[in-house]
């Protein structure tokens, strides 16, 4: 018995996102904030940045994982945003 062929999945056009980030219902999520910053980072760097964000976010030793992760992402995004503005 053969299975029907799988339909190809259309390419996702949005930025690569970390798997873990702050989410507490619709009113309390970092998702949109993260998406805006990931969008200015070149696609080839997004996976590495998302992985580093997750590592910092899940850091249980400090108790400030969310803050550390968001500061990291803000810094990386600012570098690429400044490069874009300088090149324009």
C-alpha atoms as a PDB file:
ATOM      1  CA  UNK A   1       0.000   0.000   0.000  1.00  0.00           C
ATOM      2  CA  UNK A   2       1.526   3.310  -1.020  1.00  0.00           C
ATOM      3  CA  UNK A   3       1.086   6.589   0.731  1.00  0.00           C
ATOM      4  CA  UNK A   4       0.092   9.752  -1.089  1.00  0.00           C
ATOM      5  CA  UNK A   5       2.973  12.062  -1.861  1.00  0.00           C
ATOM      6  CA  UNK A   6       3.547  14.842   0.638  1.00  0.00           C
ATOM      7  CA  UNK A   7       2.828  18.338  -0.538  1.00  0.00           C
ATOM      8  CA  UNK A   8       5.845  20.624  -0.477  1.00  0.00           C
ATOM      9  CA  UNK A   9       5.837  23.142   2.330  1.00  0.00           C
ATOM     10  CA  UNK A  10       6.097  26.711   1.080  1.00  0.00           C
ATOM     11  CA  UNK A  11       9.210  28.548   2.192  1.00  0.00           C
ATOM     12  CA  UNK A  12       8.747  30.411   5.428  1.00  0.00           C
ATOM     13  CA  UNK A  13       9.521  34.034   4.731  1.00  0.00           C
ATOM     14  CA  UNK A  14       9.825  35.240   8.332  1.00  0.00           C
ATOM     15  CA  UNK A  15      12.945  35.338  10.485  1.00  0.00           C
ATOM     16  CA  UNK A  16      14.333  32.289  12.277  1.00  0.00           C
ATOM     17  CA  UNK A  17      13.020  32.424  15.834  1.00  0.00           C
ATOM     18  CA  UNK A  18      14.340  30.994  19.093  1.00  0.00           C
ATOM     19  CA  UNK A  19      12.325  28.031  20.375  1.00  0.00           C
ATOM     20  CA  UNK A  20      12.215  29.446  23.894  1.00  0.00           C
ATOM     21  CA  UNK A  21      11.183  32.961  24.830  1.00  0.00           C
ATOM     22  CA  UNK A  22       8.894  34.685  27.326  1.00  0.00           C
ATOM     23  CA  UNK A  23       5.210  34.033  26.712  1.00  0.00           C
ATOM     24  CA  UNK A  24       2.365  34.618  29.143  1.00  0.00           C
ATOM     25  CA  UNK A  25      -0.778  34.906  27.080  1.00  0.00           C
ATOM     26  CA  UNK A  26      -1.502  37.422  24.354  1.00  0.00           C
ATOM     27  CA  UNK A  27      -0.730  40.473  26.445  1.00  0.00           C
ATOM     28  CA  UNK A  28       2.624  39.266  27.744  1.00  0.00           C
ATOM     29  CA  UNK A  29       4.918  37.911  25.088  1.00  0.00           C
ATOM     30  CA  UNK A  30       8.342  38.866  23.732  1.00  0.00           C
ATOM     31  CA  UNK A  31       7.494  37.287  20.352  1.00  0.00           C
ATOM     32  CA  UNK A  32       6.865  40.473  18.352  1.00  0.00           C
ATOM     33  CA  UNK A  33       9.826  42.223  19.963  1.00  0.00           C
ATOM     34  CA  UNK A  34      12.091  39.284  19.055  1.00  0.00           C
ATOM     35  CA  UNK A  35      10.728  39.052  15.498  1.00  0.00           C
ATOM     36  CA  UNK A  36      11.498  42.724  14.837  1.00  0.00           C
ATOM     37  CA  UNK A  37      15.099  42.313  15.966  1.00  0.00           C
ATOM     38  CA  UNK A  38      15.675  38.993  14.191  1.00  0.00           C
ATOM     39  CA  UNK A  39      14.397  40.544  10.955  1.00  0.00           C
ATOM     40  CA  UNK A  40      17.416  42.907  10.711  1.00  0.00           C
ATOM     41  CA  UNK A  41      19.928  40.073  11.240  1.00  0.00           C
ATOM     42  CA  UNK A  42      21.127  38.381   8.027  1.00  0.00           C
ATOM     43  CA  UNK A  43      19.392  35.052   7.391  1.00  0.00           C
ATOM     44  CA  UNK A  44      22.663  33.105   7.491  1.00  0.00           C
ATOM     45  CA  UNK A  45      23.295  34.369  11.069  1.00  0.00           C
ATOM     46  CA  UNK A  46      19.765  34.037  12.443  1.00  0.00           C
ATOM     47  CA  UNK A  47      20.023  30.357  13.477  1.00  0.00           C
ATOM     48  CA  UNK A  48      23.224  30.973  15.458  1.00  0.00           C
ATOM     49  CA  UNK A  49      21.754  34.077  17.113  1.00  0.00           C
ATOM     50  CA  UNK A  50      18.545  32.194  17.983  1.00  0.00           C
ATOM     51  CA  UNK A  51      20.575  29.372  19.536  1.00  0.00           C
ATOM     52  CA  UNK A  52      22.625  31.801  21.630  1.00  0.00           C
ATOM     53  CA  UNK A  53      19.404  33.570  22.682  1.00  0.00           C
ATOM     54  CA  UNK A  54      17.974  30.229  23.871  1.00  0.00           C
ATOM     55  CA  UNK A  55      21.137  29.408  25.831  1.00  0.00           C
ATOM     56  CA  UNK A  56      21.022  32.735  27.625  1.00  0.00           C
ATOM     57  CA  UNK A  57      17.263  32.588  28.188  1.00  0.00           C
ATOM     58  CA  UNK A  58      17.468  29.103  29.718  1.00  0.00           C
ATOM     59  CA  UNK A  59      20.403  30.029  31.982  1.00  0.00           C
ATOM     60  CA  UNK A  60      19.049  29.017  35.385  1.00  0.00           C
ATOM     61  CA  UNK A  61      22.143  30.036  37.367  1.00  0.00           C
ATOM     62  CA  UNK A  62      21.602  33.757  37.147  1.00  0.00           C
ATOM     63  CA  UNK A  63      17.830  34.039  37.457  1.00  0.00           C
ATOM     64  CA  UNK A  64      17.951  36.777  34.836  1.00  0.00           C
ATOM     65  CA  UNK A  65      17.848  34.623  31.698  1.00  0.00           C
ATOM     66  CA  UNK A  66      15.182  36.634  29.936  1.00  0.00           C
ATOM     67  CA  UNK A  67      17.007  39.898  30.579  1.00  0.00           C
ATOM     68  CA  UNK A  68      20.364  38.473  29.443  1.00  0.00           C
ATOM     69  CA  UNK A  69      18.834  36.987  26.300  1.00  0.00           C
ATOM     70  CA  UNK A  70      16.997  40.180  25.358  1.00  0.00           C
ATOM     71  CA  UNK A  71      20.065  42.352  25.965  1.00  0.00           C
ATOM     72  CA  UNK A  72      22.128  40.013  23.773  1.00  0.00           C
ATOM     73  CA  UNK A  73      19.569  40.099  20.961  1.00  0.00           C
ATOM     74  CA  UNK A  74      19.219  43.879  21.196  1.00  0.00           C
ATOM     75  CA  UNK A  75      22.993  44.253  20.878  1.00  0.00           C
ATOM     76  CA  UNK A  76      23.291  41.963  17.856  1.00  0.00           C
ATOM     77  CA  UNK A  77      20.315  43.583  16.122  1.00  0.00           C
ATOM     78  CA  UNK A  78      21.718  47.070  16.792  1.00  0.00           C
ATOM     79  CA  UNK A  79      25.022  46.116  15.124  1.00  0.00           C
ATOM     80  CA  UNK A  80      23.280  44.964  11.941  1.00  0.00           C
ATOM     81  CA  UNK A  81      20.833  47.865  11.971  1.00  0.00           C
ATOM     82  CA  UNK A  82      23.757  50.303  12.224  1.00  0.00           C
ATOM     83  CA  UNK A  83      25.510  48.511   9.321  1.00  0.00           C
ATOM     84  CA  UNK A  84      22.368  48.806   7.211  1.00  0.00           C
ATOM     85  CA  UNK A  85      22.000  52.495   7.967  1.00  0.00           C
ATOM     86  CA  UNK A  86      25.652  53.126   7.169  1.00  0.00           C
ATOM     87  CA  UNK A  87      25.404  51.297   3.841  1.00  0.00           C
ATOM     88  CA  UNK A  88      22.226  53.092   2.767  1.00  0.00           C
END
